Amino acid sequence: MDMLGIWIGENESASFWLGVCNDLKNRGVQDILIACKDGLSGFSEAINTVFPQTEIQLCIIHQIRNSLKYVPWKEQKELMADLKKVYQALTMEEAELAFKMFKEKWGKKHPVIIRSWEKNWLELTAYFKYPYEIRKLIYTTNIIEGYHRQLRKVTKTKTAYPTDDALKKIIYLATVEASKKWTVPIREWKSCISQFAIHFSDRL
């Protein structure tokens, strides 16, 4: 895992992400195969403007967390089990069938959840285009979430920073420290690379 940059903005708007993507391109990034995101507003539009071939995958874990916000504790285990049948399906067809059953069971009780999954369905299910072996690498931002937790530990000690550069220095030092732990190889990485080479043969 490599960190390609540190950017500070007042908010995560479409224009902010467009600036990030242009910066990456100007520094030599020629292509991005797959981008996994949380519910960031404007990110998809920004990255597809600069890297039009990039596949966008909405983080399944974030979607599940957002869904559970609307569910009473006593129902969460059962609802989670039904959602698992959707995102762990072997094929897109199985996922669509599982979601249809999920909708029939929970739709009247939790229409907000159903609307959210339907609205984001294309980006939530992008990973079904790829072989099973590499899907878990695609559908979650857990790695970056762990990094963000480490950053919060070092930045929460102060309520304000005098300049953006002062904050960047703190974040940079924390990133250097965090990167020392990014040495564990990804499980079945050689198999994953082989699958990527097949799927993106004209872009690798």
N, C-alpha and C. Protein backbone atom coordinates (compact mmCIF):
# COMPACT_ATOMS: atom_id res chain seq x y z
N MET A 1 0.85 -1.19 0.00
CA MET A 1 0.00 0.00 0.00
C MET A 1 0.88 1.24 0.00
N ASP A 2 0.53 2.22 -0.82
CA ASP A 2 1.26 3.48 -0.87
C ASP A 2 0.30 4.65 -0.73
N MET A 3 0.77 5.69 -0.06
CA MET A 3 0.00 6.92 0.06
C MET A 3 0.48 7.88 -1.03
N LEU A 4 -0.42 8.32 -1.88
CA LEU A 4 -0.03 9.15 -3.02
C LEU A 4 -0.07 10.64 -2.73
N GLY A 5 -0.68 11.04 -1.64
CA GLY A 5 -0.72 12.47 -1.35
C GLY A 5 -1.54 12.79 -0.12
N ILE A 6 -1.36 14.01 0.36
CA ILE A 6 -2.13 14.53 1.49
C ILE A 6 -2.75 15.85 1.04
N TRP A 7 -4.05 15.94 1.10
CA TRP A 7 -4.76 17.15 0.68
C TRP A 7 -5.65 17.64 1.81
N ILE A 8 -5.68 18.94 2.00
CA ILE A 8 -6.52 19.54 3.04
C ILE A 8 -7.50 20.50 2.38
N GLY A 9 -8.76 20.34 2.70
CA GLY A 9 -9.80 21.21 2.13
C GLY A 9 -10.85 21.54 3.17
N GLU A 10 -11.61 22.58 2.91
CA GLU A 10 -12.66 22.97 3.84
C GLU A 10 -13.80 21.97 3.84
N ASN A 11 -14.04 21.35 2.69
CA ASN A 11 -15.06 20.32 2.60
C ASN A 11 -14.74 19.39 1.43
N GLU A 12 -15.43 18.25 1.39
CA GLU A 12 -15.17 17.27 0.35
C GLU A 12 -16.17 17.44 -0.80
N SER A 13 -16.06 18.57 -1.47
CA SER A 13 -16.96 18.89 -2.57
C SER A 13 -16.44 18.30 -3.87
N ALA A 14 -17.26 18.38 -4.92
CA ALA A 14 -16.85 17.89 -6.23
C ALA A 14 -15.61 18.64 -6.73
N SER A 15 -15.56 19.95 -6.49
CA SER A 15 -14.42 20.74 -6.94
C SER A 15 -13.14 20.35 -6.19
N PHE A 16 -13.29 20.02 -4.90
CA PHE A 16 -12.12 19.56 -4.13
C PHE A 16 -11.57 18.27 -4.73
N TRP A 17 -12.46 17.30 -4.99
CA TRP A 17 -12.00 16.02 -5.53
C TRP A 17 -11.48 16.15 -6.95
N LEU A 18 -12.03 17.08 -7.71
CA LEU A 18 -11.51 17.32 -9.05
C LEU A 18 -10.08 17.83 -8.97
N GLY A 19 -9.81 18.68 -7.99
CA GLY A 19 -8.45 19.17 -7.78
C GLY A 19 -7.50 18.06 -7.40
N VAL A 20 -7.95 17.14 -6.54
CA VAL A 20 -7.13 16.00 -6.13
C VAL A 20 -6.81 15.12 -7.35
N CYS A 21 -7.82 14.82 -8.14
CA CYS A 21 -7.61 13.96 -9.31
C CYS A 21 -6.68 14.61 -10.33
N ASN A 22 -6.85 15.90 -10.56
CA ASN A 22 -5.96 16.60 -11.49
C ASN A 22 -4.53 16.63 -10.97
N ASP A 23 -4.37 16.78 -9.67
CA ASP A 23 -3.03 16.76 -9.07
C ASP A 23 -2.36 15.41 -9.30
N LEU A 24 -3.11 14.34 -9.09
CA LEU A 24 -2.56 13.00 -9.32
C LEU A 24 -2.14 12.81 -10.77
N LYS A 25 -2.99 13.27 -11.68
CA LYS A 25 -2.68 13.13 -13.11
C LYS A 25 -1.45 13.96 -13.48
N ASN A 26 -1.37 15.17 -12.97
CA ASN A 26 -0.23 16.04 -13.26
C ASN A 26 1.07 15.48 -12.72
N ARG A 27 0.98 14.66 -11.67
CA ARG A 27 2.18 14.07 -11.07
C ARG A 27 2.53 12.71 -11.66
N GLY A 28 1.76 12.28 -12.68
CA GLY A 28 2.16 11.08 -13.40
C GLY A 28 1.22 9.89 -13.36
N VAL A 29 0.13 9.98 -12.61
CA VAL A 29 -0.82 8.87 -12.59
C VAL A 29 -1.55 8.85 -13.93
N GLN A 30 -1.38 7.78 -14.69
CA GLN A 30 -1.95 7.70 -16.04
C GLN A 30 -3.33 7.06 -16.06
N ASP A 31 -3.59 6.19 -15.10
CA ASP A 31 -4.86 5.45 -15.12
C ASP A 31 -5.16 4.94 -13.72
N ILE A 32 -6.42 4.83 -13.40
CA ILE A 32 -6.88 4.19 -12.16
C ILE A 32 -7.89 3.14 -12.58
N LEU A 33 -7.64 1.90 -12.21
CA LEU A 33 -8.52 0.82 -12.64
C LEU A 33 -9.84 0.84 -11.88
N ILE A 34 -9.74 0.84 -10.55
CA ILE A 34 -10.93 0.79 -9.70
C ILE A 34 -10.74 1.76 -8.55
N ALA A 35 -11.76 2.52 -8.23
CA ALA A 35 -11.73 3.42 -7.07
C ALA A 35 -12.86 3.04 -6.13
N CYS A 36 -12.51 2.69 -4.89
CA CYS A 36 -13.52 2.37 -3.89
C CYS A 36 -13.71 3.60 -3.01
N LYS A 37 -14.95 4.00 -2.81
CA LYS A 37 -15.23 5.23 -2.08
C LYS A 37 -16.32 4.99 -1.03
N ASP A 38 -16.40 5.90 -0.07
CA ASP A 38 -17.55 5.89 0.82
C ASP A 38 -18.61 6.78 0.17
N GLY A 39 -19.49 7.38 0.93
CA GLY A 39 -20.57 8.15 0.32
C GLY A 39 -20.21 9.56 -0.04
N LEU A 40 -18.97 9.81 -0.42
CA LEU A 40 -18.50 11.16 -0.72
C LEU A 40 -19.27 11.80 -1.87
N SER A 41 -19.74 12.99 -1.64
CA SER A 41 -20.48 13.72 -2.68
C SER A 41 -19.51 14.26 -3.72
N GLY A 42 -19.80 14.00 -4.98
CA GLY A 42 -19.00 14.57 -6.06
C GLY A 42 -17.77 13.77 -6.45
N PHE A 43 -17.44 12.72 -5.70
CA PHE A 43 -16.22 11.97 -5.99
C PHE A 43 -16.30 11.24 -7.32
N SER A 44 -17.41 10.56 -7.56
CA SER A 44 -17.55 9.79 -8.80
C SER A 44 -17.42 10.67 -10.02
N GLU A 45 -18.10 11.82 -9.99
CA GLU A 45 -18.05 12.74 -11.13
C GLU A 45 -16.64 13.26 -11.36
N ALA A 46 -15.95 13.58 -10.26
CA ALA A 46 -14.60 14.14 -10.37
C ALA A 46 -13.63 13.13 -10.96
N ILE A 47 -13.63 11.91 -10.43
CA ILE A 47 -12.65 10.93 -10.90
C ILE A 47 -12.94 10.50 -12.33
N ASN A 48 -14.22 10.41 -12.71
CA ASN A 48 -14.54 10.02 -14.08
C ASN A 48 -14.28 11.14 -15.08
N THR A 49 -14.19 12.38 -14.60
CA THR A 49 -13.82 13.49 -15.47
C THR A 49 -12.35 13.41 -15.86
N VAL A 50 -11.52 13.04 -14.89
CA VAL A 50 -10.07 13.00 -15.11
C VAL A 50 -9.62 11.62 -15.59
N PHE A 51 -10.22 10.58 -15.04
CA PHE A 51 -9.89 9.19 -15.41
C PHE A 51 -11.18 8.48 -15.85
N PRO A 52 -11.62 8.72 -17.08
CA PRO A 52 -12.94 8.27 -17.52
C PRO A 52 -13.16 6.76 -17.55
N GLN A 53 -12.09 5.98 -17.54
CA GLN A 53 -12.24 4.52 -17.59
C GLN A 53 -12.35 3.88 -16.20
N THR A 54 -12.17 4.67 -15.17
CA THR A 54 -12.15 4.13 -13.81
C THR A 54 -13.51 3.59 -13.40
N GLU A 55 -13.50 2.37 -12.84
CA GLU A 55 -14.71 1.78 -12.28
C GLU A 55 -14.88 2.29 -10.85
N ILE A 56 -16.09 2.71 -10.50
CA ILE A 56 -16.36 3.21 -9.16
C ILE A 56 -17.10 2.15 -8.35
N GLN A 57 -16.55 1.83 -7.18
CA GLN A 57 -17.21 0.89 -6.27
C GLN A 57 -17.52 1.62 -4.97
N LEU A 58 -18.77 1.63 -4.59
CA LEU A 58 -19.17 2.21 -3.31
C LEU A 58 -18.89 1.19 -2.21
N CYS A 59 -18.26 1.63 -1.14
CA CYS A 59 -17.85 0.73 -0.06
C CYS A 59 -19.07 0.05 0.56
N ILE A 60 -19.08 -1.27 0.52
CA ILE A 60 -20.18 -2.04 1.07
C ILE A 60 -20.29 -1.85 2.58
N ILE A 61 -19.15 -1.80 3.26
CA ILE A 61 -19.15 -1.66 4.73
C ILE A 61 -19.80 -0.35 5.14
N HIS A 62 -19.48 0.73 4.44
CA HIS A 62 -20.11 2.03 4.72
C HIS A 62 -21.62 1.97 4.48
N GLN A 63 -22.01 1.31 3.39
CA GLN A 63 -23.43 1.21 3.08
C GLN A 63 -24.18 0.44 4.17
N ILE A 64 -23.56 -0.62 4.66
CA ILE A 64 -24.18 -1.41 5.73
C ILE A 64 -24.31 -0.58 7.00
N ARG A 65 -23.24 0.13 7.36
CA ARG A 65 -23.29 0.98 8.56
C ARG A 65 -24.40 2.02 8.44
N ASN A 66 -24.49 2.64 7.27
CA ASN A 66 -25.53 3.64 7.07
C ASN A 66 -26.92 3.02 7.15
N SER A 67 -27.05 1.79 6.67
CA SER A 67 -28.34 1.10 6.73
C SER A 67 -28.73 0.80 8.17
N LEU A 68 -27.76 0.37 8.97
CA LEU A 68 -28.06 -0.04 10.35
C LEU A 68 -28.46 1.14 11.24
N LYS A 69 -28.17 2.35 10.80
CA LYS A 69 -28.56 3.53 11.58
C LYS A 69 -30.07 3.60 11.76
N TYR A 70 -30.80 2.98 10.85
CA TYR A 70 -32.26 3.07 10.87
C TYR A 70 -32.92 1.83 11.49
N VAL A 71 -32.11 0.90 11.99
CA VAL A 71 -32.65 -0.39 12.43
C VAL A 71 -32.52 -0.56 13.94
N PRO A 72 -33.60 -0.90 14.64
CA PRO A 72 -33.52 -1.18 16.08
C PRO A 72 -32.54 -2.32 16.35
N TRP A 73 -31.90 -2.28 17.50
CA TRP A 73 -30.87 -3.26 17.85
C TRP A 73 -31.36 -4.69 17.71
N LYS A 74 -32.58 -4.96 18.15
CA LYS A 74 -33.10 -6.33 18.15
C LYS A 74 -33.31 -6.89 16.74
N GLU A 75 -33.36 -6.01 15.73
CA GLU A 75 -33.55 -6.45 14.35
C GLU A 75 -32.26 -6.52 13.55
N GLN A 76 -31.19 -5.96 14.08
CA GLN A 76 -29.97 -5.79 13.28
C GLN A 76 -29.34 -7.12 12.84
N LYS A 77 -29.31 -8.09 13.73
CA LYS A 77 -28.68 -9.37 13.38
C LYS A 77 -29.38 -10.04 12.22
N GLU A 78 -30.71 -10.06 12.26
CA GLU A 78 -31.48 -10.70 11.19
C GLU A 78 -31.35 -9.93 9.88
N LEU A 79 -31.43 -8.61 9.95
CA LEU A 79 -31.30 -7.80 8.75
C LEU A 79 -29.92 -7.93 8.13
N MET A 80 -28.89 -7.98 8.97
CA MET A 80 -27.52 -8.14 8.49
C MET A 80 -27.35 -9.47 7.76
N ALA A 81 -27.96 -10.52 8.31
CA ALA A 81 -27.86 -11.83 7.68
C ALA A 81 -28.50 -11.82 6.29
N ASP A 82 -29.59 -11.09 6.15
CA ASP A 82 -30.25 -10.99 4.84
C ASP A 82 -29.44 -10.14 3.87
N LEU A 83 -28.82 -9.07 4.36
CA LEU A 83 -27.96 -8.24 3.50
C LEU A 83 -26.73 -9.01 3.04
N LYS A 84 -26.22 -9.86 3.92
CA LYS A 84 -25.03 -10.64 3.59
C LYS A 84 -25.27 -11.52 2.36
N LYS A 85 -26.50 -12.01 2.23
CA LYS A 85 -26.85 -12.83 1.06
C LYS A 85 -26.77 -12.02 -0.23
N VAL A 86 -26.93 -10.71 -0.10
CA VAL A 86 -26.85 -9.83 -1.26
C VAL A 86 -25.40 -9.60 -1.65
N TYR A 87 -24.60 -9.07 -0.72
CA TYR A 87 -23.25 -8.65 -1.11
C TYR A 87 -22.24 -9.79 -1.17
N GLN A 88 -22.59 -10.96 -0.62
CA GLN A 88 -21.69 -12.11 -0.74
C GLN A 88 -22.19 -13.14 -1.76
N ALA A 89 -23.15 -12.74 -2.56
CA ALA A 89 -23.64 -13.62 -3.62
C ALA A 89 -22.51 -13.93 -4.61
N LEU A 90 -22.59 -15.07 -5.26
CA LEU A 90 -21.54 -15.47 -6.19
C LEU A 90 -21.66 -14.75 -7.54
N THR A 91 -22.88 -14.39 -7.90
CA THR A 91 -23.10 -13.73 -9.19
C THR A 91 -24.03 -12.54 -9.03
N MET A 92 -24.04 -11.68 -10.03
CA MET A 92 -24.93 -10.53 -10.03
C MET A 92 -26.39 -10.98 -10.00
N GLU A 93 -26.69 -12.04 -10.71
CA GLU A 93 -28.07 -12.55 -10.75
C GLU A 93 -28.52 -12.99 -9.36
N GLU A 94 -27.63 -13.68 -8.63
CA GLU A 94 -27.95 -14.12 -7.28
C GLU A 94 -28.13 -12.92 -6.35
N ALA A 95 -27.30 -11.90 -6.54
CA ALA A 95 -27.40 -10.69 -5.72
C ALA A 95 -28.73 -9.99 -5.96
N GLU A 96 -29.14 -9.90 -7.22
CA GLU A 96 -30.41 -9.25 -7.55
C GLU A 96 -31.59 -10.01 -6.94
N LEU A 97 -31.53 -11.33 -6.98
CA LEU A 97 -32.59 -12.15 -6.40
C LEU A 97 -32.62 -11.98 -4.89
N ALA A 98 -31.43 -11.99 -4.26
CA ALA A 98 -31.36 -11.83 -2.81
C ALA A 98 -31.87 -10.46 -2.39
N PHE A 99 -31.57 -9.44 -3.19
CA PHE A 99 -32.06 -8.10 -2.84
C PHE A 99 -33.57 -8.01 -3.03
N LYS A 100 -34.09 -8.68 -4.03
CA LYS A 100 -35.55 -8.70 -4.24
C LYS A 100 -36.24 -9.30 -3.02
N MET A 101 -35.68 -10.39 -2.50
CA MET A 101 -36.23 -11.03 -1.31
C MET A 101 -36.07 -10.13 -0.09
N PHE A 102 -34.93 -9.44 -0.01
CA PHE A 102 -34.68 -8.51 1.09
C PHE A 102 -35.72 -7.38 1.06
N LYS A 103 -35.98 -6.88 -0.13
CA LYS A 103 -36.95 -5.79 -0.29
C LYS A 103 -38.35 -6.23 0.11
N GLU A 104 -38.72 -7.43 -0.30
CA GLU A 104 -40.05 -7.95 0.04
C GLU A 104 -40.21 -8.12 1.55
N LYS A 105 -39.14 -8.50 2.21
CA LYS A 105 -39.19 -8.76 3.65
C LYS A 105 -39.14 -7.49 4.48
N TRP A 106 -38.27 -6.55 4.08
CA TRP A 106 -37.99 -5.38 4.91
C TRP A 106 -38.51 -4.06 4.34
N GLY A 107 -39.01 -4.08 3.12
CA GLY A 107 -39.37 -2.84 2.44
C GLY A 107 -40.37 -1.96 3.17
N LYS A 108 -41.43 -2.55 3.69
CA LYS A 108 -42.45 -1.76 4.37
C LYS A 108 -41.94 -1.19 5.69
N LYS A 109 -41.10 -1.96 6.36
CA LYS A 109 -40.61 -1.54 7.67
C LYS A 109 -39.46 -0.54 7.55
N HIS A 110 -38.62 -0.72 6.55
CA HIS A 110 -37.43 0.14 6.40
C HIS A 110 -37.28 0.64 4.96
N PRO A 111 -38.22 1.46 4.49
CA PRO A 111 -38.16 1.95 3.10
C PRO A 111 -36.94 2.81 2.81
N VAL A 112 -36.42 3.51 3.83
CA VAL A 112 -35.23 4.36 3.63
C VAL A 112 -34.03 3.51 3.21
N ILE A 113 -33.89 2.35 3.84
CA ILE A 113 -32.78 1.45 3.50
C ILE A 113 -32.91 0.96 2.06
N ILE A 114 -34.11 0.57 1.70
CA ILE A 114 -34.35 0.06 0.34
C ILE A 114 -34.03 1.14 -0.69
N ARG A 115 -34.49 2.36 -0.44
CA ARG A 115 -34.24 3.46 -1.39
C ARG A 115 -32.76 3.72 -1.55
N SER A 116 -32.02 3.66 -0.45
CA SER A 116 -30.58 3.91 -0.51
C SER A 116 -29.86 2.86 -1.34
N TRP A 117 -30.21 1.59 -1.14
CA TRP A 117 -29.57 0.52 -1.92
C TRP A 117 -29.96 0.61 -3.39
N GLU A 118 -31.21 0.93 -3.67
CA GLU A 118 -31.64 1.05 -5.07
C GLU A 118 -30.97 2.23 -5.76
N LYS A 119 -30.87 3.34 -5.06
CA LYS A 119 -30.25 4.54 -5.62
C LYS A 119 -28.78 4.29 -5.98
N ASN A 120 -28.09 3.53 -5.14
CA ASN A 120 -26.65 3.32 -5.31
C ASN A 120 -26.30 1.96 -5.89
N TRP A 121 -27.29 1.25 -6.42
CA TRP A 121 -27.11 -0.15 -6.80
C TRP A 121 -25.95 -0.36 -7.78
N LEU A 122 -25.83 0.46 -8.80
CA LEU A 122 -24.78 0.26 -9.81
C LEU A 122 -23.38 0.35 -9.19
N GLU A 123 -23.18 1.33 -8.31
CA GLU A 123 -21.86 1.49 -7.69
C GLU A 123 -21.65 0.48 -6.56
N LEU A 124 -22.72 0.00 -5.95
CA LEU A 124 -22.60 -1.00 -4.90
C LEU A 124 -22.25 -2.38 -5.45
N THR A 125 -22.63 -2.63 -6.69
CA THR A 125 -22.45 -3.97 -7.26
C THR A 125 -21.41 -4.04 -8.36
N ALA A 126 -20.60 -3.00 -8.49
CA ALA A 126 -19.58 -2.99 -9.55
C ALA A 126 -18.62 -4.17 -9.42
N TYR A 127 -18.35 -4.62 -8.20
CA TYR A 127 -17.36 -5.68 -7.99
C TYR A 127 -17.79 -7.04 -8.54
N PHE A 128 -19.08 -7.20 -8.85
CA PHE A 128 -19.53 -8.47 -9.41
C PHE A 128 -18.99 -8.70 -10.82
N LYS A 129 -18.42 -7.66 -11.43
CA LYS A 129 -17.82 -7.82 -12.76
C LYS A 129 -16.51 -8.60 -12.68
N TYR A 130 -15.96 -8.70 -11.49
CA TYR A 130 -14.62 -9.25 -11.32
C TYR A 130 -14.68 -10.63 -10.67
N PRO A 131 -13.63 -11.43 -10.86
CA PRO A 131 -13.59 -12.77 -10.27
C PRO A 131 -13.72 -12.73 -8.75
N TYR A 132 -14.26 -13.79 -8.20
CA TYR A 132 -14.54 -13.86 -6.76
C TYR A 132 -13.29 -13.61 -5.93
N GLU A 133 -12.13 -14.07 -6.43
CA GLU A 133 -10.89 -13.99 -5.66
C GLU A 133 -10.48 -12.56 -5.31
N ILE A 134 -10.87 -11.59 -6.13
CA ILE A 134 -10.40 -10.22 -5.90
C ILE A 134 -11.49 -9.28 -5.41
N ARG A 135 -12.69 -9.79 -5.21
CA ARG A 135 -13.79 -8.90 -4.84
C ARG A 135 -13.59 -8.21 -3.50
N LYS A 136 -13.06 -8.93 -2.52
CA LYS A 136 -12.93 -8.34 -1.19
C LYS A 136 -11.91 -7.20 -1.19
N LEU A 137 -10.98 -7.22 -2.13
CA LEU A 137 -10.04 -6.11 -2.27
C LEU A 137 -10.73 -4.86 -2.79
N ILE A 138 -11.86 -5.06 -3.47
CA ILE A 138 -12.51 -3.98 -4.19
C ILE A 138 -13.61 -3.31 -3.39
N TYR A 139 -14.42 -4.10 -2.65
CA TYR A 139 -15.66 -3.53 -2.13
C TYR A 139 -15.59 -2.89 -0.75
N THR A 140 -14.42 -2.71 -0.19
CA THR A 140 -14.34 -2.03 1.10
C THR A 140 -13.16 -1.08 1.18
N THR A 141 -13.34 -0.01 1.95
CA THR A 141 -12.26 0.95 2.20
C THR A 141 -11.66 0.74 3.58
N ASN A 142 -11.72 -0.47 4.12
CA ASN A 142 -11.27 -0.74 5.48
C ASN A 142 -9.81 -0.34 5.71
N ILE A 143 -8.96 -0.52 4.70
CA ILE A 143 -7.54 -0.19 4.87
C ILE A 143 -7.37 1.30 5.14
N ILE A 144 -8.02 2.13 4.35
CA ILE A 144 -7.89 3.57 4.55
C ILE A 144 -8.59 4.02 5.82
N GLU A 145 -9.65 3.30 6.22
CA GLU A 145 -10.33 3.64 7.46
C GLU A 145 -9.40 3.44 8.65
N GLY A 146 -8.61 2.37 8.61
CA GLY A 146 -7.64 2.13 9.68
C GLY A 146 -6.61 3.25 9.75
N TYR A 147 -6.18 3.72 8.58
CA TYR A 147 -5.24 4.84 8.51
C TYR A 147 -5.86 6.10 9.09
N HIS A 148 -7.12 6.36 8.78
CA HIS A 148 -7.80 7.54 9.31
C HIS A 148 -7.90 7.50 10.83
N ARG A 149 -8.12 6.31 11.38
CA ARG A 149 -8.17 6.19 12.85
C ARG A 149 -6.85 6.59 13.48
N GLN A 150 -5.75 6.20 12.83
CA GLN A 150 -4.43 6.58 13.34
C GLN A 150 -4.22 8.09 13.27
N LEU A 151 -4.71 8.71 12.20
CA LEU A 151 -4.57 10.16 12.07
C LEU A 151 -5.37 10.89 13.15
N ARG A 152 -6.56 10.38 13.44
CA ARG A 152 -7.39 11.03 14.46
C ARG A 152 -6.72 11.00 15.83
N LYS A 153 -5.97 9.94 16.09
CA LYS A 153 -5.28 9.84 17.38
C LYS A 153 -4.29 10.97 17.58
N VAL A 154 -3.60 11.35 16.49
CA VAL A 154 -2.56 12.37 16.63
C VAL A 154 -3.09 13.79 16.44
N THR A 155 -4.21 13.93 15.73
CA THR A 155 -4.72 15.29 15.48
C THR A 155 -5.71 15.76 16.54
N LYS A 156 -6.30 14.84 17.28
CA LYS A 156 -7.31 15.26 18.26
C LYS A 156 -6.70 15.88 19.52
N THR A 157 -5.37 15.84 19.62
CA THR A 157 -4.72 16.43 20.79
C THR A 157 -4.77 17.95 20.77
N LYS A 158 -5.03 18.51 19.58
CA LYS A 158 -5.16 19.97 19.46
C LYS A 158 -6.52 20.32 18.86
N THR A 159 -7.10 21.39 19.33
CA THR A 159 -8.40 21.82 18.79
C THR A 159 -8.24 22.68 17.54
N ALA A 160 -7.03 23.25 17.34
CA ALA A 160 -6.79 24.10 16.16
C ALA A 160 -5.31 24.10 15.82
N TYR A 161 -5.02 24.35 14.54
CA TYR A 161 -3.64 24.44 14.07
C TYR A 161 -3.44 25.82 13.44
N PRO A 162 -2.26 26.43 13.64
CA PRO A 162 -2.04 27.79 13.14
C PRO A 162 -2.12 27.92 11.63
N THR A 163 -1.65 26.89 10.91
CA THR A 163 -1.66 26.92 9.44
C THR A 163 -1.93 25.52 8.89
N ASP A 164 -2.29 25.47 7.61
CA ASP A 164 -2.46 24.16 6.96
C ASP A 164 -1.15 23.39 6.95
N ASP A 165 -0.03 24.10 6.78
CA ASP A 165 1.27 23.42 6.75
C ASP A 165 1.58 22.75 8.08
N ALA A 166 1.19 23.40 9.17
CA ALA A 166 1.42 22.81 10.50
C ALA A 166 0.66 21.49 10.63
N LEU A 167 -0.57 21.49 10.14
CA LEU A 167 -1.38 20.27 10.17
C LEU A 167 -0.78 19.21 9.25
N LYS A 168 -0.33 19.63 8.07
CA LYS A 168 0.26 18.69 7.12
C LYS A 168 1.49 17.99 7.70
N LYS A 169 2.29 18.74 8.45
CA LYS A 169 3.49 18.15 9.05
C LYS A 169 3.12 17.04 10.03
N ILE A 170 2.10 17.30 10.85
CA ILE A 170 1.64 16.30 11.81
C ILE A 170 1.13 15.06 11.07
N ILE A 171 0.33 15.30 10.02
CA ILE A 171 -0.23 14.19 9.26
C ILE A 171 0.87 13.41 8.53
N TYR A 172 1.85 14.14 7.99
CA TYR A 172 2.95 13.49 7.28
C TYR A 172 3.73 12.56 8.22
N LEU A 173 4.07 13.06 9.41
CA LEU A 173 4.82 12.25 10.37
C LEU A 173 4.02 11.02 10.80
N ALA A 174 2.70 11.21 10.97
CA ALA A 174 1.84 10.08 11.34
C ALA A 174 1.77 9.06 10.21
N THR A 175 1.78 9.56 8.97
CA THR A 175 1.74 8.68 7.80
C THR A 175 3.01 7.86 7.68
N VAL A 176 4.14 8.50 7.91
CA VAL A 176 5.43 7.79 7.88
C VAL A 176 5.42 6.67 8.91
N GLU A 177 4.91 6.96 10.10
CA GLU A 177 4.85 5.96 11.17
C GLU A 177 3.88 4.83 10.81
N ALA A 178 2.73 5.21 10.27
CA ALA A 178 1.72 4.20 9.91
C ALA A 178 2.21 3.29 8.78
N SER A 179 2.97 3.87 7.85
CA SER A 179 3.42 3.11 6.68
C SER A 179 4.39 1.98 7.06
N LYS A 180 4.98 2.06 8.24
CA LYS A 180 5.87 0.99 8.70
C LYS A 180 5.12 -0.32 8.90
N LYS A 181 3.81 -0.21 9.08
CA LYS A 181 2.99 -1.41 9.30
C LYS A 181 2.38 -1.94 8.01
N TRP A 182 2.60 -1.21 6.91
CA TRP A 182 2.00 -1.62 5.63
C TRP A 182 2.93 -2.57 4.88
N THR A 183 3.46 -3.54 5.57
CA THR A 183 4.41 -4.46 4.96
C THR A 183 3.86 -5.87 4.83
N VAL A 184 2.71 -6.12 5.45
CA VAL A 184 2.11 -7.46 5.37
C VAL A 184 1.54 -7.66 3.97
N PRO A 185 1.97 -8.70 3.27
CA PRO A 185 1.48 -8.91 1.91
C PRO A 185 -0.02 -9.20 1.89
N ILE A 186 -0.68 -8.75 0.84
CA ILE A 186 -2.10 -9.01 0.68
C ILE A 186 -2.31 -10.49 0.36
N ARG A 187 -3.27 -11.08 1.02
CA ARG A 187 -3.53 -12.51 0.86
C ARG A 187 -3.85 -12.84 -0.60
N GLU A 188 -3.22 -13.92 -1.09
CA GLU A 188 -3.44 -14.38 -2.47
C GLU A 188 -3.17 -13.29 -3.50
N TRP A 189 -2.16 -12.44 -3.23
CA TRP A 189 -1.91 -11.30 -4.10
C TRP A 189 -1.52 -11.72 -5.52
N LYS A 190 -0.72 -12.78 -5.66
CA LYS A 190 -0.31 -13.21 -7.00
C LYS A 190 -1.51 -13.65 -7.83
N SER A 191 -2.44 -14.32 -7.18
CA SER A 191 -3.66 -14.72 -7.88
C SER A 191 -4.48 -13.50 -8.28
N CYS A 192 -4.52 -12.50 -7.38
CA CYS A 192 -5.25 -11.27 -7.67
C CYS A 192 -4.65 -10.53 -8.86
N ILE A 193 -3.32 -10.42 -8.87
CA ILE A 193 -2.63 -9.74 -9.97
C ILE A 193 -2.93 -10.45 -11.30
N SER A 194 -2.94 -11.77 -11.25
CA SER A 194 -3.23 -12.54 -12.46
C SER A 194 -4.64 -12.23 -12.97
N GLN A 195 -5.59 -12.13 -12.05
CA GLN A 195 -6.97 -11.83 -12.44
C GLN A 195 -7.10 -10.41 -13.00
N PHE A 196 -6.40 -9.46 -12.35
CA PHE A 196 -6.41 -8.09 -12.86
C PHE A 196 -5.82 -8.03 -14.27
N ALA A 197 -4.75 -8.78 -14.49
CA ALA A 197 -4.09 -8.78 -15.80
C ALA A 197 -5.03 -9.30 -16.89
N ILE A 198 -5.85 -10.28 -16.52
CA ILE A 198 -6.82 -10.82 -17.49
C ILE A 198 -7.92 -9.80 -17.76
N HIS A 199 -8.45 -9.22 -16.70
CA HIS A 199 -9.59 -8.32 -16.84
C HIS A 199 -9.20 -6.98 -17.48
N PHE A 200 -7.99 -6.50 -17.13
CA PHE A 200 -7.54 -5.20 -17.65
C PHE A 200 -6.34 -5.37 -18.57
N SER A 201 -6.40 -6.37 -19.43
CA SER A 201 -5.24 -6.72 -20.25
C SER A 201 -4.74 -5.57 -21.11
N ASP A 202 -5.63 -4.70 -21.56
CA ASP A 202 -5.22 -3.61 -22.44
C ASP A 202 -4.79 -2.36 -21.67
N ARG A 203 -4.84 -2.43 -20.32
CA ARG A 203 -4.51 -1.23 -19.52
C ARG A 203 -3.37 -1.47 -18.53
N LEU A 204 -2.84 -2.67 -18.49
CA LEU A 204 -1.74 -2.96 -17.57
C LEU A 204 -0.44 -3.14 -18.33
